[in-house]
Amino acid sequence: MLNKTNFLFALLTCLLLSSLSTICRASATEQEDEHEFTYKEGSERGPEHWGDIQSDWKICKKGEMQSPIDLLHERVQVFSGLGRLKRDYQPAPAAAKNRGHDIMIEWKGDAGKININGINYSLKQCHWHSPSEHTFNGSRYKLELHMVHINSCGGIAVIGITYKYGRHDHFLDKIIASIGSVGSEEKDLGIINPGDIKFGSRKYYRYMGSLTVPPCTEGVIWTIEKKVRTVSREQVRALRDAVDDGYEENARPIQQKNGRTVLLYRPRVNGGSP
């Protein structure tokens, strides 16, 4: 009979394998025409109607593994068997683009990768949502950064980092001066090191979900850092001021878990229990 640790490991493996065919067929492309949808609830183009706007967005409404979700501590399974998040980033040429609904930094060269279950996912881009999309026991933070990675067959893995008001964020400090002048055309930023994005903790949440903007593609492996970092009010204001009017708050409403398991990686202490 499986013990609790082995059961959780087997469960996670089954979840990943069951979604593998979806992941390999999934398009990692997010919708870039901000005029197609809004974040205003009650609007004809608001989140509750995204699935009605285009036929290939129907999963936004009918999907069973949609993101973001609430990370409720009482329903999280602590599991050290996930292992440390393996990151291997490096400086590479990058460009900034204002997609209307967010600001995106896209790496044009090899910016490195993460490794999940022996599979490499190359870093492609990052962008910000304000307030945070994922909630913790029902509470939102001021900002959430998404680092989007893609594997060789198109599978998507996203790292999410949340922020509260406090000291300036080191990574944003390096690019904040360029954000205000970024338009729909790409703006070259030179060499940007994704290693400057600080994580600060080895603990993280892991679950299977989706993109949080249309087409809401499912089969996304989400890794949400447990540690909440800090960002200044001025930095959040700069990100909000840069996007189009009406998109200053660009967080999708919380989605139903539908029985999904959320795991929390916590390292073992001195080889003992986590």
C-alpha atoms as a PDB file:
ATOM      1  CA  MET A   1       0.000   0.000   0.000  1.00  0.00           C
ATOM      2  CA  LEU A   2       1.266   3.521  -0.836  1.00  0.00           C
ATOM      3  CA  ASN A   3       2.147   5.752   2.085  1.00  0.00           C
ATOM      4  CA  LYS A   4       1.051   9.382   2.040  1.00  0.00           C
ATOM      5  CA  THR A   5       4.255  10.714   0.453  1.00  0.00           C
ATOM      6  CA  ASN A   6       4.314   8.113  -2.303  1.00  0.00           C
ATOM      7  CA  PHE A   7       0.618   8.585  -2.937  1.00  0.00           C
ATOM      8  CA  LEU A   8       1.044  12.318  -3.462  1.00  0.00           C
ATOM      9  CA  PHE A   9       4.025  11.756  -5.737  1.00  0.00           C
ATOM     10  CA  ALA A  10       2.045   9.246  -7.777  1.00  0.00           C
ATOM     11  CA  LEU A  11      -0.904  11.621  -7.932  1.00  0.00           C
ATOM     12  CA  LEU A  12       1.220  14.477  -9.232  1.00  0.00           C
ATOM     13  CA  THR A  13       2.876  12.200 -11.781  1.00  0.00           C
ATOM     14  CA  CYS A  14      -0.523  11.041 -13.029  1.00  0.00           C
ATOM     15  CA  LEU A  15      -1.700  14.620 -13.339  1.00  0.00           C
ATOM     16  CA  LEU A  16       1.338  15.561 -15.390  1.00  0.00           C
ATOM     17  CA  LEU A  17       1.155  12.507 -17.612  1.00  0.00           C
ATOM     18  CA  SER A  18      -2.584  12.814 -18.165  1.00  0.00           C
ATOM     19  CA  SER A  19      -2.103  16.353 -19.407  1.00  0.00           C
ATOM     20  CA  LEU A  20       0.975  15.591 -21.516  1.00  0.00           C
ATOM     21  CA  SER A  21      -0.963  15.247 -24.773  1.00  0.00           C
ATOM     22  CA  THR A  22      -2.666  18.577 -24.067  1.00  0.00           C
ATOM     23  CA  ILE A  23       0.641  20.227 -23.210  1.00  0.00           C
ATOM     24  CA  CYS A  24       2.343  19.031 -26.398  1.00  0.00           C
ATOM     25  CA  ARG A  25      -0.489  20.392 -28.526  1.00  0.00           C
ATOM     26  CA  ALA A  26      -0.958  23.578 -26.541  1.00  0.00           C
ATOM     27  CA  SER A  27      -0.180  26.955 -28.014  1.00  0.00           C
ATOM     28  CA  ALA A  28       1.732  29.166 -25.626  1.00  0.00           C
ATOM     29  CA  THR A  29       0.550  32.274 -27.460  1.00  0.00           C
ATOM     30  CA  GLU A  30      -1.450  34.686 -25.357  1.00  0.00           C
ATOM     31  CA  GLN A  31      -3.940  37.044 -26.949  1.00  0.00           C
ATOM     32  CA  GLU A  32      -2.175  40.311 -27.720  1.00  0.00           C
ATOM     33  CA  ASP A  33      -5.046  42.448 -29.054  1.00  0.00           C
ATOM     34  CA  GLU A  34      -6.242  44.080 -25.865  1.00  0.00           C
ATOM     35  CA  HIS A  35      -9.374  45.396 -27.558  1.00  0.00           C
ATOM     36  CA  GLU A  36     -10.747  41.860 -27.813  1.00  0.00           C
ATOM     37  CA  PHE A  37     -11.338  41.465 -24.071  1.00  0.00           C
ATOM     38  CA  THR A  38     -11.487  43.437 -20.844  1.00  0.00           C
ATOM     39  CA  TYR A  39     -11.120  42.769 -17.129  1.00  0.00           C
ATOM     40  CA  LYS A  40     -14.280  44.690 -16.247  1.00  0.00           C
ATOM     41  CA  GLU A  41     -16.778  42.280 -14.713  1.00  0.00           C
ATOM     42  CA  GLY A  42     -20.262  42.751 -16.109  1.00  0.00           C
ATOM     43  CA  SER A  43     -18.932  43.992 -19.434  1.00  0.00           C
ATOM     44  CA  GLU A  44     -19.873  42.175 -22.660  1.00  0.00           C
ATOM     45  CA  ARG A  45     -16.154  41.495 -23.120  1.00  0.00           C
ATOM     46  CA  GLY A  46     -15.478  40.902 -19.427  1.00  0.00           C
ATOM     47  CA  PRO A  47     -13.946  37.747 -17.862  1.00  0.00           C
ATOM     48  CA  GLU A  48     -17.241  35.881 -17.553  1.00  0.00           C
ATOM     49  CA  HIS A  49     -17.749  36.262 -21.337  1.00  0.00           C
ATOM     50  CA  TRP A  50     -14.233  35.564 -22.633  1.00  0.00           C
ATOM     51  CA  GLY A  51     -15.340  32.097 -23.715  1.00  0.00           C
ATOM     52  CA  ASP A  52     -18.082  33.596 -25.895  1.00  0.00           C
ATOM     53  CA  ILE A  53     -15.960  36.123 -27.785  1.00  0.00           C
ATOM     54  CA  GLN A  54     -14.127  33.680 -30.051  1.00  0.00           C
ATOM     55  CA  SER A  55     -14.731  30.000 -30.742  1.00  0.00           C
ATOM     56  CA  ASP A  56     -11.171  29.043 -29.810  1.00  0.00           C
ATOM     57  CA  TRP A  57     -11.577  30.793 -26.448  1.00  0.00           C
ATOM     58  CA  LYS A  58     -14.425  28.574 -25.273  1.00  0.00           C
ATOM     59  CA  ILE A  59     -12.176  26.799 -22.786  1.00  0.00           C
ATOM     60  CA  CYS A  60     -12.077  30.095 -20.832  1.00  0.00           C
ATOM     61  CA  LYS A  61     -15.702  29.289 -19.937  1.00  0.00           C
ATOM     62  CA  LYS A  62     -15.869  25.493 -20.125  1.00  0.00           C
ATOM     63  CA  GLY A  63     -12.403  24.472 -18.925  1.00  0.00           C
ATOM     64  CA  GLU A  64     -11.931  22.408 -15.770  1.00  0.00           C
ATOM     65  CA  MET A  65      -8.335  23.462 -15.009  1.00  0.00           C
ATOM     66  CA  GLN A  66      -8.494  27.239 -15.212  1.00  0.00           C
ATOM     67  CA  SER A  67      -6.207  29.751 -13.489  1.00  0.00           C
ATOM     68  CA  PRO A  68      -5.785  31.674 -11.248  1.00  0.00           C
ATOM     69  CA  ILE A  69      -6.949  29.934  -8.076  1.00  0.00           C
ATOM     70  CA  ASP A  70      -6.939  30.636  -4.364  1.00  0.00           C
ATOM     71  CA  LEU A  71      -4.140  28.935  -2.473  1.00  0.00           C
ATOM     72  CA  LEU A  72      -5.916  28.019   0.739  1.00  0.00           C
ATOM     73  CA  HIS A  73      -3.395  26.727   3.295  1.00  0.00           C
ATOM     74  CA  GLU A  74      -5.789  24.232   4.845  1.00  0.00           C
ATOM     75  CA  ARG A  75      -6.210  22.464   1.498  1.00  0.00           C
ATOM     76  CA  VAL A  76      -2.576  22.382   0.421  1.00  0.00           C
ATOM     77  CA  GLN A  77      -0.634  19.111   0.598  1.00  0.00           C
ATOM     78  CA  VAL A  78       2.922  19.595   1.920  1.00  0.00           C
ATOM     79  CA  PHE A  79       5.240  17.447  -0.186  1.00  0.00           C
ATOM     80  CA  SER A  80       9.054  17.520  -0.135  1.00  0.00           C
ATOM     81  CA  GLY A  81       9.226  14.971  -2.965  1.00  0.00           C
ATOM     82  CA  LEU A  82       8.782  17.678  -5.602  1.00  0.00           C
ATOM     83  CA  GLY A  83      12.386  18.755  -5.078  1.00  0.00           C
ATOM     84  CA  ARG A  84      13.979  22.164  -5.417  1.00  0.00           C
ATOM     85  CA  LEU A  85      13.035  24.272  -8.407  1.00  0.00           C
ATOM     86  CA  LYS A  86      15.962  23.926 -10.809  1.00  0.00           C
ATOM     87  CA  ARG A  87      16.700  27.283 -12.427  1.00  0.00           C
ATOM     88  CA  ASP A  88      19.526  27.993 -14.866  1.00  0.00           C
ATOM     89  CA  TYR A  89      19.155  31.522 -16.235  1.00  0.00           C
ATOM     90  CA  GLN A  90      21.631  33.672 -18.156  1.00  0.00           C
ATOM     91  CA  PRO A  91      21.776  37.205 -19.618  1.00  0.00           C
ATOM     92  CA  ALA A  92      20.316  37.566 -23.124  1.00  0.00           C
ATOM     93  CA  PRO A  93      19.016  40.258 -25.505  1.00  0.00           C
ATOM     94  CA  ALA A  94      15.502  41.370 -24.597  1.00  0.00           C
ATOM     95  CA  ALA A  95      12.797  43.751 -25.755  1.00  0.00           C
ATOM     96  CA  ALA A  96       9.828  45.378 -24.019  1.00  0.00           C
ATOM     97  CA  LYS A  97       6.345  45.551 -25.503  1.00  0.00           C
ATOM     98  CA  ASN A  98       3.138  47.176 -24.313  1.00  0.00           C
ATOM     99  CA  ARG A  99       0.369  44.681 -25.106  1.00  0.00           C
ATOM    100  CA  GLY A 100      -2.268  47.115 -23.899  1.00  0.00           C
ATOM    101  CA  HIS A 101      -3.412  44.864 -21.086  1.00  0.00           C
ATOM    102  CA  ASP A 102       0.122  44.385 -19.676  1.00  0.00           C
ATOM    103  CA  ILE A 103       3.821  45.126 -20.101  1.00  0.00           C
ATOM    104  CA  MET A 104       5.868  42.211 -21.423  1.00  0.00           C
ATOM    105  CA  ILE A 105       9.620  41.625 -21.469  1.00  0.00           C
ATOM    106  CA  GLU A 106      10.527  39.113 -24.182  1.00  0.00           C
ATOM    107  CA  TRP A 107      13.954  37.501 -24.406  1.00  0.00           C
ATOM    108  CA  LYS A 108      15.231  37.245 -27.981  1.00  0.00           C
ATOM    109  CA  GLY A 109      18.136  34.942 -27.204  1.00  0.00           C
ATOM    110  CA  ASP A 110      18.754  31.991 -24.923  1.00  0.00           C
ATOM    111  CA  ALA A 111      17.900  33.308 -21.461  1.00  0.00           C
ATOM    112  CA  GLY A 112      18.190  29.908 -19.805  1.00  0.00           C
ATOM    113  CA  LYS A 113      15.673  27.445 -18.460  1.00  0.00           C
ATOM    114  CA  ILE A 114      14.009  25.654 -15.595  1.00  0.00           C
ATOM    115  CA  ASN A 115      13.747  21.884 -15.210  1.00  0.00           C
ATOM    116  CA  ILE A 116      10.576  20.171 -14.029  1.00  0.00           C
ATOM    117  CA  ASN A 117      10.417  16.372 -13.759  1.00  0.00           C
ATOM    118  CA  GLY A 118      13.488  16.075 -15.984  1.00  0.00           C
ATOM    119  CA  ILE A 119      12.034  18.278 -18.743  1.00  0.00           C
ATOM    120  CA  ASN A 120      13.650  21.581 -19.716  1.00  0.00           C
ATOM    121  CA  TYR A 121      11.446  24.645 -20.188  1.00  0.00           C
ATOM    122  CA  SER A 122      13.132  27.641 -21.836  1.00  0.00           C
ATOM    123  CA  LEU A 123      12.374  31.135 -20.530  1.00  0.00           C
ATOM    124  CA  LYS A 124      10.580  33.201 -23.172  1.00  0.00           C
ATOM    125  CA  GLN A 125       8.988  36.216 -21.487  1.00  0.00           C
ATOM    126  CA  CYS A 126       7.706  37.786 -18.303  1.00  0.00           C
ATOM    127  CA  HIS A 127       4.860  40.203 -17.582  1.00  0.00           C
ATOM    128  CA  TRP A 128       3.007  41.716 -14.625  1.00  0.00           C
ATOM    129  CA  HIS A 129      -0.546  41.683 -13.232  1.00  0.00           C
ATOM    130  CA  SER A 130      -1.842  44.209 -10.715  1.00  0.00           C
ATOM    131  CA  PRO A 131      -3.268  43.264  -8.287  1.00  0.00           C
ATOM    132  CA  SER A 132      -2.013  39.694  -7.984  1.00  0.00           C
ATOM    133  CA  GLU A 133      -4.033  37.075  -9.846  1.00  0.00           C
ATOM    134  CA  HIS A 134      -3.539  34.210  -7.408  1.00  0.00           C
ATOM    135  CA  THR A 135      -4.930  34.800  -3.939  1.00  0.00           C
ATOM    136  CA  PHE A 136      -3.849  33.419  -0.592  1.00  0.00           C
ATOM    137  CA  ASN A 137      -6.702  32.563   1.748  1.00  0.00           C
ATOM    138  CA  GLY A 138      -8.780  35.027  -0.235  1.00  0.00           C
ATOM    139  CA  SER A 139      -6.305  37.915  -0.089  1.00  0.00           C
ATOM    140  CA  ARG A 140      -4.647  39.537  -3.099  1.00  0.00           C
ATOM    141  CA  TYR A 141      -1.226  41.147  -3.091  1.00  0.00           C
ATOM    142  CA  LYS A 142      -0.312  44.324  -4.994  1.00  0.00           C
ATOM    143  CA  LEU A 143       1.498  42.727  -7.927  1.00  0.00           C
ATOM    144  CA  GLU A 144       2.243  39.368  -9.539  1.00  0.00           C
ATOM    145  CA  LEU A 145       5.053  38.588 -11.980  1.00  0.00           C
ATOM    146  CA  HIS A 146       4.669  35.698 -14.433  1.00  0.00           C
ATOM    147  CA  MET A 147       7.759  34.093 -15.977  1.00  0.00           C
ATOM    148  CA  VAL A 148       6.615  32.056 -18.988  1.00  0.00           C
ATOM    149  CA  HIS A 149       8.638  29.028 -20.074  1.00  0.00           C
ATOM    150  CA  ILE A 150       8.078  26.631 -23.005  1.00  0.00           C
ATOM    151  CA  ASN A 151       9.448  23.143 -23.633  1.00  0.00           C
ATOM    152  CA  SER A 152      10.415  21.535 -26.948  1.00  0.00           C
ATOM    153  CA  CYS A 153       6.873  20.343 -27.719  1.00  0.00           C
ATOM    154  CA  GLY A 154       5.123  23.567 -26.778  1.00  0.00           C
ATOM    155  CA  GLY A 155       4.356  22.741 -23.145  1.00  0.00           C
ATOM    156  CA  ILE A 156       4.001  25.708 -20.825  1.00  0.00           C
ATOM    157  CA  ALA A 157       5.381  26.220 -17.322  1.00  0.00           C
ATOM    158  CA  VAL A 158       4.849  29.516 -15.509  1.00  0.00           C
ATOM    159  CA  ILE A 159       6.528  30.776 -12.351  1.00  0.00           C
ATOM    160  CA  GLY A 160       4.485  33.295 -10.367  1.00  0.00           C
ATOM    161  CA  ILE A 161       5.983  35.711  -7.835  1.00  0.00           C
ATOM    162  CA  THR A 162       3.778  37.968  -5.713  1.00  0.00           C
ATOM    163  CA  TYR A 163       4.671  41.357  -4.225  1.00  0.00           C
ATOM    164  CA  LYS A 164       3.486  43.615  -1.423  1.00  0.00           C
ATOM    165  CA  TYR A 165       4.316  47.291  -0.955  1.00  0.00           C
ATOM    166  CA  GLY A 166       7.740  47.925   0.515  1.00  0.00           C
ATOM    167  CA  ARG A 167      11.267  48.367  -0.835  1.00  0.00           C
ATOM    168  CA  HIS A 168      11.890  48.764  -4.567  1.00  0.00           C
ATOM    169  CA  ASP A 169      12.099  45.596  -6.656  1.00  0.00           C
ATOM    170  CA  HIS A 170      15.649  45.190  -7.993  1.00  0.00           C
ATOM    171  CA  PHE A 171      14.633  43.814 -11.408  1.00  0.00           C
ATOM    172  CA  LEU A 172      12.028  46.524 -12.055  1.00  0.00           C
ATOM    173  CA  ASP A 173      14.600  49.152 -11.109  1.00  0.00           C
ATOM    174  CA  LYS A 174      16.630  48.140 -14.154  1.00  0.00           C
ATOM    175  CA  ILE A 175      13.803  48.553 -16.675  1.00  0.00           C
ATOM    176  CA  ILE A 176      11.327  50.969 -15.095  1.00  0.00           C
ATOM    177  CA  ALA A 177      12.742  53.994 -16.941  1.00  0.00           C
ATOM    178  CA  SER A 178      11.920  52.355 -20.279  1.00  0.00           C
ATOM    179  CA  ILE A 179       8.391  51.214 -19.453  1.00  0.00           C
ATOM    180  CA  GLY A 180       6.658  54.573 -19.831  1.00  0.00           C
ATOM    181  CA  SER A 181       7.873  54.995 -23.418  1.00  0.00           C
ATOM    182  CA  VAL A 182       7.100  51.437 -24.550  1.00  0.00           C
ATOM    183  CA  GLY A 183       4.372  51.164 -27.173  1.00  0.00           C
ATOM    184  CA  SER A 184       2.905  48.357 -29.228  1.00  0.00           C
ATOM    185  CA  GLU A 185       6.172  48.244 -31.150  1.00  0.00           C
ATOM    186  CA  GLU A 186       8.995  46.449 -29.387  1.00  0.00           C
ATOM    187  CA  LYS A 187      11.633  48.509 -27.627  1.00  0.00           C
ATOM    188  CA  ASP A 188      15.125  47.055 -27.447  1.00  0.00           C
ATOM    189  CA  LEU A 189      16.374  46.790 -23.868  1.00  0.00           C
ATOM    190  CA  GLY A 190      19.802  45.385 -24.621  1.00  0.00           C
ATOM    191  CA  ILE A 191      21.067  42.523 -22.476  1.00  0.00           C
ATOM    192  CA  ILE A 192      18.740  41.659 -19.582  1.00  0.00           C
ATOM    193  CA  ASN A 193      19.615  39.062 -16.955  1.00  0.00           C
ATOM    194  CA  PRO A 194      16.554  37.112 -15.696  1.00  0.00           C
ATOM    195  CA  GLY A 195      18.745  36.012 -12.819  1.00  0.00           C
ATOM    196  CA  ASP A 196      18.146  39.497 -11.410  1.00  0.00           C
ATOM    197  CA  ILE A 197      14.572  38.425 -10.627  1.00  0.00           C
ATOM    198  CA  LYS A 198      14.755  37.506  -6.960  1.00  0.00           C
ATOM    199  CA  PHE A 199      12.891  34.500  -5.562  1.00  0.00           C
ATOM    200  CA  GLY A 200      14.099  34.508  -1.961  1.00  0.00           C
ATOM    201  CA  SER A 201      12.749  31.125  -0.874  1.00  0.00           C
ATOM    202  CA  ARG A 202      12.900  27.468  -1.869  1.00  0.00           C
ATOM    203  CA  LYS A 203       9.252  26.904  -0.936  1.00  0.00           C
ATOM    204  CA  TYR A 204       6.654  26.942  -3.675  1.00  0.00           C
ATOM    205  CA  TYR A 205       3.136  25.834  -4.611  1.00  0.00           C
ATOM    206  CA  ARG A 206       2.589  23.558  -7.627  1.00  0.00           C
ATOM    207  CA  TYR A 207      -0.625  22.808  -9.504  1.00  0.00           C
ATOM    208  CA  MET A 208      -1.973  22.221 -13.012  1.00  0.00           C
ATOM    209  CA  GLY A 209      -3.837  25.147 -14.539  1.00  0.00           C
ATOM    210  CA  SER A 210      -4.137  27.421 -17.553  1.00  0.00           C
ATOM    211  CA  LEU A 211      -3.078  30.705 -19.076  1.00  0.00           C
ATOM    212  CA  THR A 212      -4.887  33.532 -17.288  1.00  0.00           C
ATOM    213  CA  VAL A 213      -5.697  35.460 -20.478  1.00  0.00           C
ATOM    214  CA  PRO A 214      -7.425  34.228 -23.649  1.00  0.00           C
ATOM    215  CA  PRO A 215      -7.203  31.650 -25.117  1.00  0.00           C
ATOM    216  CA  CYS A 216      -6.941  30.268 -21.533  1.00  0.00           C
ATOM    217  CA  THR A 217      -4.941  27.232 -22.723  1.00  0.00           C
ATOM    218  CA  GLU A 218      -4.947  24.421 -20.150  1.00  0.00           C
ATOM    219  CA  GLY A 219      -2.154  22.015 -19.261  1.00  0.00           C
ATOM    220  CA  VAL A 220       0.041  24.767 -17.790  1.00  0.00           C
ATOM    221  CA  ILE A 221       2.320  23.743 -14.914  1.00  0.00           C
ATOM    222  CA  TRP A 222       2.135  26.515 -12.330  1.00  0.00           C
ATOM    223  CA  THR A 223       4.844  27.158  -9.741  1.00  0.00           C
ATOM    224  CA  ILE A 224       3.911  29.938  -7.310  1.00  0.00           C
ATOM    225  CA  GLU A 225       6.687  31.102  -5.011  1.00  0.00           C
ATOM    226  CA  LYS A 226       5.584  31.058  -1.384  1.00  0.00           C
ATOM    227  CA  LYS A 227       7.692  34.030  -0.352  1.00  0.00           C
ATOM    228  CA  VAL A 228       6.051  37.391  -0.982  1.00  0.00           C
ATOM    229  CA  ARG A 229       8.583  39.957  -2.146  1.00  0.00           C
ATOM    230  CA  THR A 230       8.348  43.759  -2.085  1.00  0.00           C
ATOM    231  CA  VAL A 231       7.742  46.406  -4.734  1.00  0.00           C
ATOM    232  CA  SER A 232       7.423  50.159  -4.358  1.00  0.00           C
ATOM    233  CA  ARG A 233       4.202  52.080  -4.905  1.00  0.00           C
ATOM    234  CA  GLU A 234       5.994  54.067  -7.626  1.00  0.00           C
ATOM    235  CA  GLN A 235       6.918  50.901  -9.518  1.00  0.00           C
ATOM    236  CA  VAL A 236       3.362  49.556  -9.443  1.00  0.00           C
ATOM    237  CA  ARG A 237       2.057  52.968 -10.513  1.00  0.00           C
ATOM    238  CA  ALA A 238       4.481  53.008 -13.467  1.00  0.00           C
ATOM    239  CA  LEU A 239       3.226  49.610 -14.652  1.00  0.00           C
ATOM    240  CA  ARG A 240      -0.408  50.697 -14.307  1.00  0.00           C
ATOM    241  CA  ASP A 241       0.157  54.042 -16.023  1.00  0.00           C
ATOM    242  CA  ALA A 242       1.874  52.361 -18.987  1.00  0.00           C
ATOM    243  CA  VAL A 243      -1.014  50.115 -20.033  1.00  0.00           C
ATOM    244  CA  ASP A 244      -4.129  51.262 -21.887  1.00  0.00           C
ATOM    245  CA  ASP A 245      -6.953  53.012 -20.053  1.00  0.00           C
ATOM    246  CA  GLY A 246      -9.245  50.481 -18.400  1.00  0.00           C
ATOM    247  CA  TYR A 247      -6.513  47.872 -17.969  1.00  0.00           C
ATOM    248  CA  GLU A 248      -4.808  49.356 -14.904  1.00  0.00           C
ATOM    249  CA  GLU A 249      -6.242  46.427 -12.926  1.00  0.00           C
ATOM    250  CA  ASN A 250      -5.531  43.344 -15.009  1.00  0.00           C
ATOM    251  CA  ALA A 251      -6.169  40.373 -12.705  1.00  0.00           C
ATOM    252  CA  ARG A 252      -8.543  37.638 -13.844  1.00  0.00           C
ATOM    253  CA  PRO A 253     -11.123  36.569 -11.213  1.00  0.00           C
ATOM    254  CA  ILE A 254     -10.419  33.423  -9.180  1.00  0.00           C
ATOM    255  CA  GLN A 255     -11.428  30.168 -10.904  1.00  0.00           C
ATOM    256  CA  GLN A 256     -12.890  26.969  -9.442  1.00  0.00           C
ATOM    257  CA  LYS A 257     -10.394  24.294  -8.395  1.00  0.00           C
ATOM    258  CA  ASN A 258     -12.674  21.436  -9.484  1.00  0.00           C
ATOM    259  CA  GLY A 259     -10.950  18.928  -7.230  1.00  0.00           C
ATOM    260  CA  ARG A 260      -7.403  19.781  -8.311  1.00  0.00           C
ATOM    261  CA  THR A 261      -4.583  19.025  -5.898  1.00  0.00           C
ATOM    262  CA  VAL A 262      -2.289  21.886  -4.855  1.00  0.00           C
ATOM    263  CA  LEU A 263       1.096  20.805  -3.523  1.00  0.00           C
ATOM    264  CA  LEU A 264       3.480  22.838  -1.378  1.00  0.00           C
ATOM    265  CA  TYR A 265       7.159  22.041  -1.655  1.00  0.00           C
ATOM    266  CA  ARG A 266       8.973  22.442   1.627  1.00  0.00           C
ATOM    267  CA  PRO A 267      12.517  21.069   1.975  1.00  0.00           C
ATOM    268  CA  ARG A 268      13.188  18.410   4.535  1.00  0.00           C
ATOM    269  CA  VAL A 269      15.089  19.571   7.586  1.00  0.00           C
ATOM    270  CA  ASN A 270      18.293  17.587   8.245  1.00  0.00           C
ATOM    271  CA  GLY A 271      16.904  14.688   6.251  1.00  0.00           C
ATOM    272  CA  GLY A 272      13.844  14.371   8.498  1.00  0.00           C
ATOM    273  CA  SER A 273      10.233  15.257   8.021  1.00  0.00           C
ATOM    274  CA  PRO A 274       9.374  18.414   6.053  1.00  0.00           C
END
